[in-house]
């Protein structure tokens, strides 16, 4: 259903004239102005406030460069999921520690403190802050310097030391690495990945996605019947009409949509009713 078809159904139910178009003459049409405002509010309320809808879940990845500790949030970011963590590619078993209190974050940075070996992160100023810096880059290889395990060196690409060694003699790093292949491994820059809720709950008729209706042919990314029922009860409530039954219909439809948005319950296995187990053979006496 497009926005136009949703609004037409709402208008037919609440007793106002059904439009043939919404945006073409919206400047002089107070009713359509209210309908679009209500559609935007209800769509955002359903999309953002009630649950982490599978349709709107997405993820982002930041790649360390050895310098950057502050990363801009994605343009379509609305909020973190209710169970979101920040995961480093170098620590797949334990997520980074989230520091919720800003004063605590600032104190820890002033004291160069880090909790555990997997790092810390926080949200501040529209950015994700990560500490310590991901990926310490050593720009050049030096002959005669002892490299410890975990040290870096570079020629055309970056390499990490796997065996403590002290390269010497003429030639390039590439020559030394070729002669000692077990000493070095190609370095993969660490990445931090997290899941979040996409704010763009509207499919735009012009292409792409947005967080507001912009044209008659736009559509709601989630259940449009829930949107319609939500608009009906809210319209009646705003106009002082009885709305309790309509709000109940909206609540039922919303509950069904939320239930269908998750996977089926996991059924734990048990012996078949014909199987004897613990002295019972499954038959009712």
Protein backbone atom coordinates (compact mmCIF):
# COMPACT_ATOMS: atom_id res chain seq x y z
CA UNK A 1 0.00 0.00 0.00
CA UNK A 2 1.18 3.50 -0.83
CA UNK A 3 0.72 6.49 1.45
CA UNK A 4 -2.15 7.61 -0.76
CA UNK A 5 -4.03 4.33 -0.35
CA UNK A 6 -3.44 4.32 3.43
CA UNK A 7 -4.70 7.89 3.77
CA UNK A 8 -7.73 7.13 1.60
CA UNK A 9 -8.68 4.22 3.89
CA UNK A 10 -8.17 6.36 6.99
CA UNK A 11 -10.29 9.17 5.55
CA UNK A 12 -13.09 6.76 4.65
CA UNK A 13 -13.12 5.45 8.22
CA UNK A 14 -12.93 8.75 10.12
CA UNK A 15 -15.46 10.50 7.88
CA UNK A 16 -13.50 13.04 5.88
CA UNK A 17 -13.37 13.42 2.10
CA UNK A 18 -11.09 10.87 0.44
CA UNK A 19 -8.36 12.57 -1.60
CA UNK A 20 -7.30 11.67 -5.13
CA UNK A 21 -3.85 13.07 -4.32
CA UNK A 22 -2.06 14.23 -1.20
CA UNK A 23 0.97 16.37 -1.97
CA UNK A 24 -0.13 18.09 -5.19
CA UNK A 25 -2.29 20.63 -3.32
CA UNK A 26 -1.19 20.11 0.26
CA UNK A 27 -0.40 23.79 0.89
CA UNK A 28 -4.09 24.68 0.70
CA UNK A 29 -5.47 21.51 2.27
CA UNK A 30 -5.39 21.51 6.07
CA UNK A 31 -6.80 17.98 6.32
CA UNK A 32 -4.04 16.48 4.16
CA UNK A 33 -1.42 18.43 6.11
CA UNK A 34 -2.71 16.79 9.28
CA UNK A 35 -2.85 13.37 7.62
CA UNK A 36 0.77 13.53 6.46
CA UNK A 37 1.91 14.77 9.86
CA UNK A 38 0.01 11.95 11.55
CA UNK A 39 1.36 9.36 9.09
CA UNK A 40 4.93 10.46 9.79
CA UNK A 41 4.45 10.45 13.57
CA UNK A 42 2.74 7.06 13.63
CA UNK A 43 5.26 5.47 11.23
CA UNK A 44 8.18 6.67 13.35
CA UNK A 45 6.45 5.66 16.58
CA UNK A 46 5.94 2.11 15.28
CA UNK A 47 9.42 1.85 13.77
CA UNK A 48 11.50 3.30 16.62
CA UNK A 49 9.69 2.97 19.94
CA UNK A 50 8.32 -0.55 20.17
CA UNK A 51 10.95 -3.11 19.24
CA UNK A 52 14.03 -3.81 17.14
CA UNK A 53 12.27 -4.76 13.90
CA UNK A 54 14.20 -7.23 11.78
CA UNK A 55 13.46 -5.17 8.68
CA UNK A 56 15.26 -2.17 10.18
CA UNK A 57 18.21 -3.94 11.78
CA UNK A 58 21.53 -3.28 10.08
CA UNK A 59 25.23 -3.06 10.94
CA UNK A 60 28.31 -0.95 10.37
CA UNK A 61 32.04 -1.60 10.51
CA UNK A 62 34.89 0.78 11.30
CA UNK A 63 38.42 -0.09 10.15
CA UNK A 64 41.36 0.93 12.30
CA UNK A 65 44.13 3.02 10.81
CA UNK A 66 46.40 3.37 13.82
CA UNK A 67 45.31 6.98 14.40
CA UNK A 68 41.53 7.42 14.51
CA UNK A 69 39.68 6.93 17.80
CA UNK A 70 36.43 8.77 16.91
CA UNK A 71 34.14 7.44 14.18
CA UNK A 72 31.06 9.17 12.76
CA UNK A 73 27.80 7.31 13.22
CA UNK A 74 26.19 6.13 9.95
CA UNK A 75 23.88 8.64 8.24
CA UNK A 76 20.90 6.28 8.73
CA UNK A 77 21.63 5.62 12.41
CA UNK A 78 18.66 5.89 14.78
CA UNK A 79 19.83 4.09 17.90
CA UNK A 80 21.72 1.05 19.09
CA UNK A 81 19.77 -2.18 19.28
CA UNK A 82 18.64 -3.17 22.77
CA UNK A 83 21.38 -5.81 22.96
CA UNK A 84 24.07 -4.17 20.81
CA UNK A 85 27.76 -4.57 21.54
CA UNK A 86 30.85 -3.40 19.72
CA UNK A 87 32.91 -6.35 18.48
CA UNK A 88 36.56 -6.25 17.47
CA UNK A 89 37.76 -8.55 14.73
CA UNK A 90 40.74 -9.34 16.96
CA UNK A 91 38.53 -10.44 19.88
CA UNK A 92 35.56 -12.43 18.62
CA UNK A 93 34.68 -14.04 21.97
CA UNK A 94 34.41 -10.94 24.16
CA UNK A 95 32.86 -7.60 23.14
CA UNK A 96 34.41 -4.27 23.93
CA UNK A 97 33.37 -2.70 27.24
CA UNK A 98 30.77 0.06 26.95
CA UNK A 99 31.42 3.04 29.24
CA UNK A 100 27.99 4.63 29.75
CA UNK A 101 29.02 7.50 32.04
CA UNK A 102 30.76 10.39 30.26
CA UNK A 103 32.71 11.47 33.35
CA UNK A 104 33.97 7.93 33.80
CA UNK A 105 35.06 7.86 30.14
CA UNK A 106 36.93 11.17 30.47
CA UNK A 107 38.60 10.07 33.72
CA UNK A 108 39.76 6.82 32.13
CA UNK A 109 41.20 8.62 29.12
CA UNK A 110 43.07 11.11 31.31
CA UNK A 111 44.55 8.19 33.23
CA UNK A 112 45.20 6.10 30.10
CA UNK A 113 43.16 3.29 31.66
CA UNK A 114 41.77 0.41 29.63
CA UNK A 115 39.53 -2.33 30.91
CA UNK A 116 40.80 -5.73 29.79
CA UNK A 117 42.54 -6.47 26.52
CA UNK A 118 39.49 -5.95 24.31
CA UNK A 119 39.16 -2.17 24.71
CA UNK A 120 36.40 0.29 25.56
CA UNK A 121 33.89 2.43 23.70
CA UNK A 122 31.27 5.10 24.30
CA UNK A 123 28.84 7.36 22.43
CA UNK A 124 29.71 11.04 22.55
CA UNK A 125 28.96 13.98 20.26
CA UNK A 126 27.33 11.91 17.54
CA UNK A 127 30.39 9.67 17.29
CA UNK A 128 31.53 6.29 18.54
CA UNK A 129 34.75 6.66 20.52
CA UNK A 130 37.04 3.63 20.71
CA UNK A 131 40.04 3.11 22.98
CA UNK A 132 42.77 2.07 22.52
CA UNK A 133 43.37 3.08 18.92
CA UNK A 134 42.78 0.24 16.48
CA UNK A 135 45.84 -0.77 14.51
CA UNK A 136 49.26 0.62 15.45
CA UNK A 137 51.04 1.38 12.19
CA UNK A 138 54.83 1.33 11.85
CA UNK A 139 55.52 2.97 8.47
CA UNK A 140 58.95 1.53 7.67
CA UNK A 141 61.26 -1.42 8.19
CA UNK A 142 64.65 -0.83 9.75
CA UNK A 143 67.54 -3.25 9.31
CA UNK A 144 69.35 -4.16 12.49
CA UNK A 145 66.37 -3.47 14.77
CA UNK A 146 65.04 -6.34 16.87
CA UNK A 147 61.36 -7.01 16.18
CA UNK A 148 59.27 -8.53 18.95
CA UNK A 149 56.21 -10.68 18.29
CA UNK A 150 53.36 -8.34 17.36
CA UNK A 151 55.57 -5.55 16.00
CA UNK A 152 54.84 -4.18 12.55
CA UNK A 153 56.89 -3.44 9.48
CA UNK A 154 56.03 -2.31 5.98
CA UNK A 155 57.25 -2.19 2.45
CA UNK A 156 54.52 -2.00 -0.17
CA UNK A 157 52.15 -3.56 2.38
CA UNK A 158 52.02 -4.10 6.12
CA UNK A 159 53.33 -7.14 8.00
CA UNK A 160 53.23 -8.32 11.60
CA UNK A 161 56.10 -10.12 13.33
CA UNK A 162 55.35 -13.74 14.29
CA UNK A 163 58.84 -14.76 15.43
CA UNK A 164 61.26 -12.47 17.25
CA UNK A 165 64.08 -11.60 14.88
CA UNK A 166 66.73 -9.02 14.02
CA UNK A 167 67.08 -8.57 10.23
CA UNK A 168 70.49 -7.57 8.95
CA UNK A 169 72.49 -7.35 5.78
CA UNK A 170 71.78 -5.69 2.46
CA UNK A 171 68.48 -5.86 0.62
CA UNK A 172 64.93 -4.73 1.15
CA UNK A 173 62.39 -5.91 3.67
CA UNK A 174 60.70 -7.85 0.89
CA UNK A 175 63.98 -9.74 0.33
CA UNK A 176 64.35 -10.51 4.02
CA UNK A 177 60.72 -11.57 4.37
CA UNK A 178 60.99 -13.86 1.35
CA UNK A 179 64.04 -15.52 2.89
CA UNK A 180 62.31 -15.86 6.29
CA UNK A 181 58.63 -16.52 5.50
CA UNK A 182 57.74 -17.84 8.98
CA UNK A 183 58.93 -14.64 10.67
CA UNK A 184 56.21 -12.40 9.22
CA UNK A 185 52.51 -12.56 8.34
CA UNK A 186 50.36 -10.17 6.34
CA UNK A 187 48.70 -7.71 8.69
CA UNK A 188 44.93 -7.31 8.56
CA UNK A 189 43.73 -4.02 9.99
CA UNK A 190 41.41 -4.55 12.97
CA UNK A 191 37.74 -3.75 12.53
CA UNK A 192 34.96 -2.84 14.96
CA UNK A 193 31.45 -3.95 14.06
CA UNK A 194 28.11 -3.16 15.69
CA UNK A 195 24.39 -3.50 14.94
CA UNK A 196 21.93 -0.62 15.05
CA UNK A 197 18.42 0.43 14.06
CA UNK A 198 18.00 2.09 10.67
CA UNK A 199 15.99 5.33 10.94
CA UNK A 200 14.79 5.13 7.33
CA UNK A 201 11.43 3.41 7.72
CA UNK A 202 9.92 4.84 4.51
CA UNK A 203 10.41 3.39 1.02
CA UNK A 204 10.55 6.42 -1.25
CA UNK A 205 8.80 6.26 -4.62
CA UNK A 206 11.69 8.28 -6.08
CA UNK A 207 14.12 5.56 -4.99
CA UNK A 208 15.97 4.85 -1.79
CA UNK A 209 14.71 5.27 1.74
CA UNK A 210 13.90 8.08 4.14
CA UNK A 211 12.42 8.79 7.56
CA UNK A 212 9.45 10.88 6.31
CA UNK A 213 6.79 10.56 3.63
CA UNK A 214 7.61 12.82 0.69
CA UNK A 215 5.23 11.70 -2.09
CA UNK A 216 1.91 9.95 -2.65
CA UNK A 217 3.67 6.78 -3.86
CA UNK A 218 5.90 6.38 -0.79
CA UNK A 219 5.25 3.33 1.38
CA UNK A 220 5.86 2.22 4.96
CA UNK A 221 8.65 -0.35 5.29
CA UNK A 222 6.77 -2.24 8.01
CA UNK A 223 3.16 -3.47 8.27
CA UNK A 224 1.01 -0.83 6.55
CA UNK A 225 -2.21 -2.13 8.11
CA UNK A 226 -0.75 -1.37 11.54
CA UNK A 227 0.08 2.12 10.28
CA UNK A 228 -3.48 2.61 9.03
CA UNK A 229 -5.11 1.39 12.26
CA UNK A 230 -2.74 3.55 14.31
CA UNK A 231 -3.64 6.62 12.28
CA UNK A 232 -7.37 5.93 12.69
CA UNK A 233 -7.36 5.77 16.50
CA UNK A 234 -4.95 8.66 16.86
CA UNK A 235 -7.00 10.84 14.50
CA UNK A 236 -10.17 10.13 16.47
CA UNK A 237 -8.39 10.81 19.76
CA UNK A 238 -7.09 14.15 18.47
CA UNK A 239 -10.58 15.15 17.27
CA UNK A 240 -12.30 14.19 20.52
CA UNK A 241 -14.18 11.19 19.09
CA UNK A 242 -14.53 7.83 20.88
CA UNK A 243 -11.46 5.80 20.03
CA UNK A 244 -11.11 2.98 22.58
CA UNK A 245 -12.25 0.23 20.21
CA UNK A 246 -10.04 1.52 17.40
CA UNK A 247 -7.05 1.68 19.73
CA UNK A 248 -7.75 -1.92 20.73
CA UNK A 249 -7.81 -3.01 17.08
CA UNK A 250 -4.49 -1.23 16.54
CA UNK A 251 -3.00 -2.91 19.62
CA UNK A 252 -4.10 -6.37 18.44
CA UNK A 253 -2.66 -5.83 14.95
CA UNK A 254 0.57 -4.46 16.40
CA UNK A 255 0.95 -7.43 18.74
CA UNK A 256 0.45 -9.84 15.85
CA UNK A 257 3.00 -8.00 13.72
CA UNK A 258 5.52 -8.00 16.55
CA UNK A 259 4.99 -11.71 17.16
CA UNK A 260 5.46 -12.54 13.49
CA UNK A 261 8.65 -10.47 13.40
CA UNK A 262 10.61 -13.05 15.44
CA UNK A 263 11.51 -16.67 14.73
CA UNK A 264 9.31 -19.56 15.76
CA UNK A 265 9.88 -20.83 19.33
CA UNK A 266 12.61 -23.43 19.69
CA UNK A 267 11.07 -26.81 20.49
CA UNK A 268 13.14 -28.85 22.91
CA UNK A 269 13.39 -32.48 21.88
CA UNK A 270 11.83 -35.17 24.06
CA UNK A 271 11.15 -38.88 23.64
CA UNK A 272 8.25 -39.74 21.39
CA UNK A 273 5.02 -40.71 23.16
CA UNK A 274 5.55 -44.33 22.13
CA UNK A 275 9.02 -44.45 23.66
CA UNK A 276 9.46 -46.00 27.08
CA UNK A 277 11.38 -43.62 29.34
CA UNK A 278 11.80 -43.72 33.08
CA UNK A 279 9.24 -46.48 33.51
CA UNK A 280 6.56 -44.69 31.43
CA UNK A 281 5.77 -45.90 27.93
CA UNK A 282 3.80 -42.83 26.86
CA UNK A 283 0.38 -44.41 27.26
CA UNK A 284 -2.29 -42.87 29.44
CA UNK A 285 -3.47 -45.42 31.99
